[in-house]
Amino acid sequence: MNSFQRLQRQAAGVSGPMRVAFAALIALAATTAPAALAPASAAPDFTLHVMDGPNLRLKEQRGRVVMVNFWATWCGPCRQEMPQLNRLYEKYKASGFVLLGVNVDDDQRKAAEVAGKLGVTFPVLLDTDKVVSKLYDLSTMPSTVIIDRDGKVRYVHRGYLTGYEDNYEKQIRELLK
C-alpha cells in the first residue's frame, strides 16, 4: 500500500474539520511527485516488453529526451490524452524525442485493442506485473514523466486535462535544444 492509499484509508474514519485537513493532504499527495521522481534525480531504470516488439530498457534511451506516459484502458483521461501524445511523438521523434507508453492493464489484448483504436504509433510497453508502476510510485492515471538526455527526471505530471499537451510540448522543445 502506498502513502496515497494509506491517507485515503485514514481519511475514511475522520469527520468534521479533520476530514477537510485529510482531504487537503490527500490532494497534495496526489499532485506531489514522490521522492524517487524529484526533478534532477536519475530516472529509475526499467526493462519492459514492447507490445509489438522486443524488450526495451529505459537506460538505452540516453541521449534522447524521453516521455514516459503511464496509462490504462479503463482510464478516460488516458484515452483522451493519447491522440495528443501521438501528435507530439510524430512531430518531435526525428529530433531525438522518444515517447514510451507504459500500459498497466492485466490484459495485454485489451491494451493492444485500445492502442490500435486510438492509432497509437509510439511504443507501448506492458507493465502487467506493475513492477515499473510501483518503482515510479504511481498514484494517478495518467502519469507522465519527462526525462532529459542525461537520464534525469525533469518534469512529472499527474492526471490529464485538455491543454496539458501545450505544457508538454513547451517542456519537450526546451529539452531538445
Protein backbone atom coordinates (compact mmCIF):
# COMPACT_ATOMS: atom_id res chain seq x y z
CA MET A 1 0.00 0.00 0.00
CA ASN A 2 1.49 3.38 -0.98
CA SER A 3 1.28 6.60 1.03
CA PHE A 4 -1.64 7.89 -1.04
CA GLN A 5 -3.71 4.76 -0.30
CA ARG A 6 -2.83 4.95 3.42
CA LEU A 7 -4.06 8.56 3.56
CA GLN A 8 -7.31 7.59 1.83
CA ARG A 9 -7.91 4.80 4.34
CA GLN A 10 -7.17 7.07 7.31
CA ALA A 11 -9.48 9.80 5.99
CA ALA A 12 -12.41 7.39 5.73
CA GLY A 13 -12.82 7.31 9.54
CA VAL A 14 -12.45 11.05 10.17
CA SER A 15 -15.21 13.69 10.26
CA GLY A 16 -15.58 17.47 10.59
CA PRO A 17 -12.60 19.83 10.28
CA MET A 18 -10.12 16.95 10.42
CA ARG A 19 -11.77 15.42 7.35
CA VAL A 20 -11.14 18.69 5.46
CA ALA A 21 -7.49 18.61 6.56
CA PHE A 22 -7.16 14.99 5.44
CA ALA A 23 -8.79 15.83 2.09
CA ALA A 24 -6.24 18.60 1.56
CA LEU A 25 -3.42 16.22 2.46
CA ILE A 26 -4.74 13.60 0.02
CA ALA A 27 -4.98 16.20 -2.74
CA LEU A 28 -1.40 17.24 -2.04
CA ALA A 29 -0.24 13.62 -2.12
CA ALA A 30 -1.96 13.10 -5.47
CA THR A 31 -0.23 16.10 -7.05
CA THR A 32 3.22 15.83 -5.48
CA ALA A 33 5.88 13.70 -7.12
CA PRO A 34 7.39 11.01 -4.89
CA ALA A 35 10.98 11.48 -3.78
CA ALA A 36 12.16 8.94 -6.37
CA LEU A 37 10.89 11.26 -9.09
CA ALA A 38 12.21 14.55 -7.80
CA PRO A 39 13.38 16.85 -10.60
CA ALA A 40 17.08 16.41 -11.40
CA SER A 41 17.14 12.90 -9.87
CA ALA A 42 18.09 9.93 -12.01
CA ALA A 43 15.06 8.31 -13.63
CA PRO A 44 14.60 4.80 -12.22
CA ASP A 45 15.76 2.34 -14.87
CA PHE A 46 13.48 -0.44 -16.10
CA THR A 47 13.11 -3.00 -18.85
CA LEU A 48 9.68 -3.88 -20.26
CA HIS A 49 8.34 -5.81 -23.21
CA VAL A 50 7.17 -3.66 -26.12
CA MET A 51 3.70 -4.71 -27.29
CA ASP A 52 4.79 -5.29 -30.90
CA GLY A 53 8.46 -5.99 -30.38
CA PRO A 54 11.36 -6.89 -28.11
CA ASN A 55 12.15 -5.68 -24.61
CA LEU A 56 13.12 -2.05 -24.18
CA ARG A 57 15.36 -0.64 -21.45
CA LEU A 58 14.98 2.98 -20.40
CA LYS A 59 18.73 3.41 -19.86
CA GLU A 60 19.30 2.61 -23.55
CA GLN A 61 17.42 5.80 -24.45
CA ARG A 62 20.16 8.07 -23.01
CA GLY A 63 20.98 10.90 -25.37
CA ARG A 64 17.28 11.37 -26.17
CA VAL A 65 14.51 13.28 -24.46
CA VAL A 66 12.11 10.64 -23.14
CA MET A 67 8.48 10.96 -22.12
CA VAL A 68 7.18 8.01 -20.12
CA ASN A 69 3.39 8.02 -20.01
CA PHE A 70 1.66 5.53 -17.70
CA TRP A 71 -1.87 4.70 -18.88
CA ALA A 72 -4.68 2.15 -18.61
CA THR A 73 -7.57 1.18 -20.87
CA TRP A 74 -10.11 1.90 -18.11
CA CYS A 75 -8.81 5.48 -17.72
CA GLY A 76 -10.91 8.01 -19.65
CA PRO A 77 -8.36 10.85 -19.42
CA CYS A 78 -5.68 8.43 -20.66
CA ARG A 79 -7.68 7.68 -23.80
CA GLN A 80 -8.41 11.38 -24.25
CA GLU A 81 -4.71 12.22 -23.99
CA MET A 82 -3.42 9.56 -26.42
CA PRO A 83 -4.09 11.41 -29.71
CA GLN A 84 -2.30 14.48 -28.32
CA LEU A 85 0.69 12.38 -27.25
CA ASN A 86 0.74 10.72 -30.67
CA ARG A 87 0.87 14.16 -32.32
CA LEU A 88 3.83 15.17 -30.13
CA TYR A 89 5.62 11.90 -30.85
CA GLU A 90 5.21 12.28 -34.61
CA LYS A 91 6.27 15.93 -34.53
CA TYR A 92 9.46 15.51 -32.47
CA LYS A 93 10.68 11.92 -32.94
CA ALA A 94 13.13 12.92 -35.68
CA SER A 95 14.65 15.48 -33.28
CA GLY A 96 15.67 12.98 -30.60
CA PHE A 97 12.37 12.60 -28.73
CA VAL A 98 11.08 9.21 -27.57
CA LEU A 99 7.64 8.57 -26.12
CA LEU A 100 7.09 5.35 -24.19
CA GLY A 101 3.51 4.49 -23.29
CA VAL A 102 3.55 2.15 -20.29
CA ASN A 103 0.27 0.27 -20.07
CA VAL A 104 -0.62 -1.09 -16.62
CA ASP A 105 -3.55 -3.34 -17.57
CA ASP A 106 -3.57 -7.04 -16.71
CA ASP A 107 -4.91 -7.93 -20.18
CA GLN A 108 -2.38 -7.30 -22.97
CA ARG A 109 -5.01 -7.93 -25.64
CA LYS A 110 -7.23 -5.15 -24.33
CA ALA A 111 -4.26 -2.76 -24.25
CA ALA A 112 -3.43 -3.67 -27.86
CA GLU A 113 -7.06 -3.20 -28.91
CA VAL A 114 -7.35 0.27 -27.35
CA ALA A 115 -3.94 1.39 -28.66
CA GLY A 116 -4.99 0.24 -32.14
CA LYS A 117 -8.34 2.03 -32.00
CA LEU A 118 -6.60 5.22 -30.91
CA GLY A 119 -3.99 4.94 -33.70
CA VAL A 120 -1.04 4.96 -31.32
CA THR A 121 2.28 4.98 -33.21
CA PHE A 122 4.69 5.29 -30.28
CA PRO A 123 5.99 2.18 -28.48
CA VAL A 124 3.56 0.71 -25.94
CA LEU A 125 5.30 -1.17 -23.13
CA LEU A 126 3.50 -3.72 -20.97
CA ASP A 127 3.69 -3.49 -17.18
CA THR A 128 1.19 -6.26 -16.39
CA ASP A 129 3.04 -7.15 -13.17
CA LYS A 130 3.01 -3.46 -12.07
CA VAL A 131 6.73 -3.59 -11.26
CA VAL A 132 7.55 -0.32 -13.03
CA SER A 133 4.36 1.33 -11.78
CA LYS A 134 5.48 0.57 -8.22
CA LEU A 135 9.01 1.75 -8.99
CA TYR A 136 7.55 5.11 -10.09
CA ASP A 137 5.07 5.12 -7.15
CA LEU A 138 2.02 5.88 -9.27
CA SER A 139 -0.95 7.42 -7.51
CA THR A 140 -2.76 8.93 -10.52
CA MET A 141 -3.66 7.86 -14.04
CA PRO A 142 -2.34 9.00 -16.37
CA SER A 143 1.05 9.95 -15.03
CA THR A 144 3.73 11.41 -17.27
CA VAL A 145 7.44 11.75 -16.61
CA ILE A 146 9.73 13.75 -18.90
CA ILE A 147 13.39 12.77 -18.76
CA ASP A 148 16.30 14.75 -20.20
CA ARG A 149 19.10 13.45 -22.44
CA ASP A 150 21.23 12.62 -19.37
CA GLY A 151 18.56 10.34 -17.87
CA LYS A 152 17.42 12.82 -15.22
CA VAL A 153 13.78 13.43 -14.35
CA ARG A 154 12.89 16.98 -15.37
CA TYR A 155 9.09 17.07 -15.12
CA VAL A 156 6.39 14.94 -13.50
CA HIS A 157 2.73 15.38 -14.41
CA ARG A 158 -0.18 13.71 -12.59
CA GLY A 159 -3.52 13.35 -14.36
CA TYR A 160 -4.64 14.98 -17.59
CA LEU A 161 -6.89 17.84 -18.59
CA THR A 162 -7.33 19.29 -22.07
CA GLY A 163 -4.46 21.69 -22.71
CA TYR A 164 -1.78 19.83 -20.74
CA GLU A 165 -0.23 18.85 -24.07
CA ASP A 166 0.73 22.50 -24.66
CA ASN A 167 2.84 22.39 -21.50
CA TYR A 168 4.32 19.02 -22.54
CA GLU A 169 5.29 20.47 -25.90
CA LYS A 170 6.96 23.51 -24.32
CA GLN A 171 8.96 21.24 -21.99
CA ILE A 172 9.95 18.87 -24.80
CA ARG A 173 11.15 21.75 -27.01
CA GLU A 174 13.17 23.17 -24.09
CA LEU A 175 14.92 19.84 -23.51
CA LEU A 176 15.59 19.21 -27.21
CA LYS A 177 17.58 22.46 -27.56
